[in-house]
Amino acid sequence: MSARARVAALFFCALVPQMAAAHAALVTAEPVEALRITARYDTGEPMAGAQVTIYAPDDPATAWARGETDAGGRFDLVLPTEPEGAWAVQVRQAGHGAMIHVARGSAEGEAALVVTAGTAVPHLLQRAVMVALVLWGALGTALFFRRGRASGFSGAGPDASA
């Protein structure tokens, strides 16, 4: 083997480990303050695969991040230190959903997280509409049966007289 071939082989052998190292993956881990959100239906069944949308306090109209719950209805969330304020977390699936607010702020120099759950109490207008619809249904039912008595409708089929 000539000197040139030896140099070329040595050069090639020196480059191969470098090329392989260029494709290596580096993974680091550090402990962080995380919030585990668990979403369940009122039956206790987990909301598996539910859509999770997070809204930042400084822009509550635009989604800051999106994700999906796991098979147990869990979603881990790590909020940044800034901006402080109430972060909104919405979980929705197949017409069901709820929202919680996570307030991030400082309490005597220490970071504090305060979680408040949304309530399922209907708004005053929703209550009024529900009451009006129930009354409308009751009135319609009463008028239907009143009309039947006034016209001699007995409710029996055509074979009842035979």
Protein backbone atom coordinates (compact mmCIF):
# COMPACT_ATOMS: atom_id res chain seq x y z
CA MET A 1 0.00 0.00 0.00
CA SER A 2 1.41 3.36 -0.97
CA ALA A 3 1.91 6.26 1.37
CA ARG A 4 -0.92 8.16 -0.33
CA ALA A 5 -3.33 5.26 0.18
CA ARG A 6 -2.35 5.03 3.85
CA VAL A 7 -2.94 8.75 4.38
CA ALA A 8 -6.28 8.54 2.59
CA ALA A 9 -7.30 5.52 4.70
CA LEU A 10 -6.23 7.27 7.91
CA PHE A 11 -8.09 10.44 6.89
CA PHE A 12 -11.22 8.40 6.08
CA CYS A 13 -11.04 6.54 9.41
CA ALA A 14 -10.70 9.82 11.27
CA LEU A 15 -13.79 11.26 9.55
CA VAL A 16 -16.12 8.28 10.02
CA PRO A 17 -16.52 8.68 13.81
CA GLN A 18 -17.07 12.43 13.35
CA MET A 19 -19.78 11.88 10.76
CA ALA A 20 -21.48 9.33 13.03
CA ALA A 21 -21.32 11.70 15.99
CA ALA A 22 -23.04 14.40 13.96
CA HIS A 23 -26.19 12.27 13.97
CA ALA A 24 -26.20 11.54 17.69
CA ALA A 25 -29.07 12.73 19.87
CA LEU A 26 -28.50 14.62 23.07
CA VAL A 27 -31.20 14.55 25.72
CA THR A 28 -31.12 16.60 28.88
CA ALA A 29 -33.50 16.67 31.79
CA GLU A 30 -34.15 19.19 34.48
CA PRO A 31 -36.74 19.36 37.21
CA VAL A 32 -39.49 21.88 36.44
CA GLU A 33 -42.70 22.96 38.07
CA ALA A 34 -45.42 21.15 36.14
CA LEU A 35 -49.16 21.09 36.46
CA ARG A 36 -51.01 17.84 35.75
CA ILE A 37 -54.50 18.40 34.44
CA THR A 38 -56.94 15.49 34.63
CA ALA A 39 -60.17 15.65 32.64
CA ARG A 40 -63.07 13.29 33.35
CA TYR A 41 -66.73 13.08 32.47
CA ASP A 42 -69.22 13.36 35.32
CA THR A 43 -69.51 9.54 35.17
CA GLY A 44 -65.84 9.29 36.17
CA GLU A 45 -64.69 8.07 32.75
CA PRO A 46 -61.48 9.81 31.60
CA MET A 47 -61.69 12.20 28.64
CA ALA A 48 -59.10 10.30 26.59
CA GLY A 49 -57.86 12.15 23.52
CA ALA A 50 -59.59 15.42 24.45
CA GLN A 51 -58.33 18.66 22.91
CA VAL A 52 -56.46 20.92 25.33
CA THR A 53 -56.00 24.61 24.50
CA ILE A 54 -53.96 27.00 26.64
CA TYR A 55 -54.44 30.79 26.52
CA ALA A 56 -51.86 33.23 27.90
CA PRO A 57 -52.90 36.07 30.20
CA ASP A 58 -51.56 38.75 27.86
CA ASP A 59 -53.49 37.41 24.80
CA PRO A 60 -56.58 35.44 25.90
CA ALA A 61 -58.06 35.38 22.38
CA THR A 62 -55.20 33.46 20.76
CA ALA A 63 -54.19 29.90 21.64
CA TRP A 64 -50.72 29.87 23.21
CA ALA A 65 -50.42 26.08 22.92
CA ARG A 66 -52.52 23.06 21.99
CA GLY A 67 -52.33 19.42 22.96
CA GLU A 68 -54.28 16.28 23.70
CA THR A 69 -54.99 14.29 26.85
CA ASP A 70 -53.61 10.77 27.20
CA ALA A 71 -55.68 7.60 27.70
CA GLY A 72 -56.21 8.48 31.37
CA GLY A 73 -57.45 12.00 30.54
CA ARG A 74 -54.19 13.57 31.80
CA PHE A 75 -52.22 16.44 30.34
CA ASP A 76 -48.98 17.79 31.84
CA LEU A 77 -48.44 21.52 31.48
CA VAL A 78 -45.30 23.51 32.19
CA LEU A 79 -46.02 27.23 32.20
CA PRO A 80 -43.28 29.76 31.56
CA THR A 81 -42.39 32.19 34.32
CA GLU A 82 -43.55 35.14 32.22
CA PRO A 83 -46.11 36.58 31.82
CA GLU A 84 -47.67 36.44 35.26
CA GLY A 85 -51.43 36.31 35.50
CA ALA A 86 -54.30 33.91 34.91
CA TRP A 87 -53.65 31.31 32.22
CA ALA A 88 -56.81 29.71 30.82
CA VAL A 89 -56.81 25.98 30.08
CA GLN A 90 -59.73 24.62 28.07
CA VAL A 91 -60.43 20.89 27.63
CA ARG A 92 -63.04 19.82 25.05
CA GLN A 93 -64.23 16.58 23.51
CA ALA A 94 -67.39 15.67 21.59
CA GLY A 95 -69.46 18.61 22.80
CA HIS A 96 -68.27 18.33 26.42
CA GLY A 97 -65.77 20.65 27.96
CA ALA A 98 -64.61 22.76 30.83
CA MET A 99 -62.15 25.53 31.53
CA ILE A 100 -59.85 26.16 34.45
CA HIS A 101 -57.70 29.19 35.23
CA VAL A 102 -54.16 28.86 36.54
CA ALA A 103 -52.91 32.04 38.15
CA ARG A 104 -49.14 32.36 38.17
CA GLY A 105 -47.67 35.03 40.36
CA SER A 106 -45.26 35.71 43.17
CA ALA A 107 -46.09 35.37 46.81
CA GLU A 108 -43.34 36.74 49.06
CA GLY A 109 -40.64 36.01 46.51
CA GLU A 110 -41.76 32.46 45.78
CA ALA A 111 -43.59 31.35 42.67
CA ALA A 112 -47.21 30.48 43.34
CA LEU A 113 -49.80 28.61 41.27
CA VAL A 114 -53.48 29.00 42.07
CA VAL A 115 -55.96 26.85 40.15
CA THR A 116 -59.64 27.76 39.94
CA ALA A 117 -62.13 25.56 38.12
CA GLY A 118 -64.86 26.94 35.92
CA THR A 119 -68.39 26.55 37.18
CA ALA A 120 -71.20 24.81 35.36
CA VAL A 121 -73.82 27.28 36.64
CA PRO A 122 -75.82 28.67 33.72
CA HIS A 123 -75.81 32.38 33.03
CA LEU A 124 -78.95 34.38 33.99
CA LEU A 125 -80.01 34.66 30.34
CA GLN A 126 -79.58 30.90 29.88
CA ARG A 127 -81.78 30.27 32.92
CA ALA A 128 -84.46 32.62 31.63
CA VAL A 129 -84.50 30.92 28.22
CA MET A 130 -84.71 27.47 29.84
CA VAL A 131 -87.66 28.52 32.03
CA ALA A 132 -89.42 30.12 29.04
CA LEU A 133 -89.00 26.95 26.96
CA VAL A 134 -90.34 24.71 29.73
CA LEU A 135 -93.38 26.99 30.14
CA TRP A 136 -93.93 27.07 26.38
CA GLY A 137 -93.82 23.27 26.24
CA ALA A 138 -96.24 22.93 29.18
CA LEU A 139 -98.65 25.44 27.60
CA GLY A 140 -98.51 23.66 24.24
CA THR A 141 -99.18 20.29 25.86
CA ALA A 142 -102.11 21.67 27.88
CA LEU A 143 -103.67 23.29 24.80
CA PHE A 144 -103.24 20.07 22.81
CA PHE A 145 -105.15 17.99 25.34
CA ARG A 146 -107.77 20.73 25.89
CA ARG A 147 -108.49 20.78 22.14
CA GLY A 148 -109.00 17.02 22.20
CA ARG A 149 -111.65 17.22 24.94
CA ALA A 150 -113.49 20.12 23.30
CA SER A 151 -113.85 18.27 19.96
CA GLY A 152 -115.04 15.03 21.59
CA PHE A 153 -111.73 13.25 21.02
CA SER A 154 -111.65 10.30 23.44
CA GLY A 155 -108.18 9.09 22.58
CA ALA A 156 -109.43 5.61 21.71
CA GLY A 157 -108.70 4.06 18.33
CA PRO A 158 -111.25 3.37 15.59
CA ASP A 159 -111.91 -0.14 16.94
CA ALA A 160 -112.89 1.13 20.41
CA SER A 161 -116.58 1.67 19.46
CA ALA A 162 -117.03 -1.84 18.05
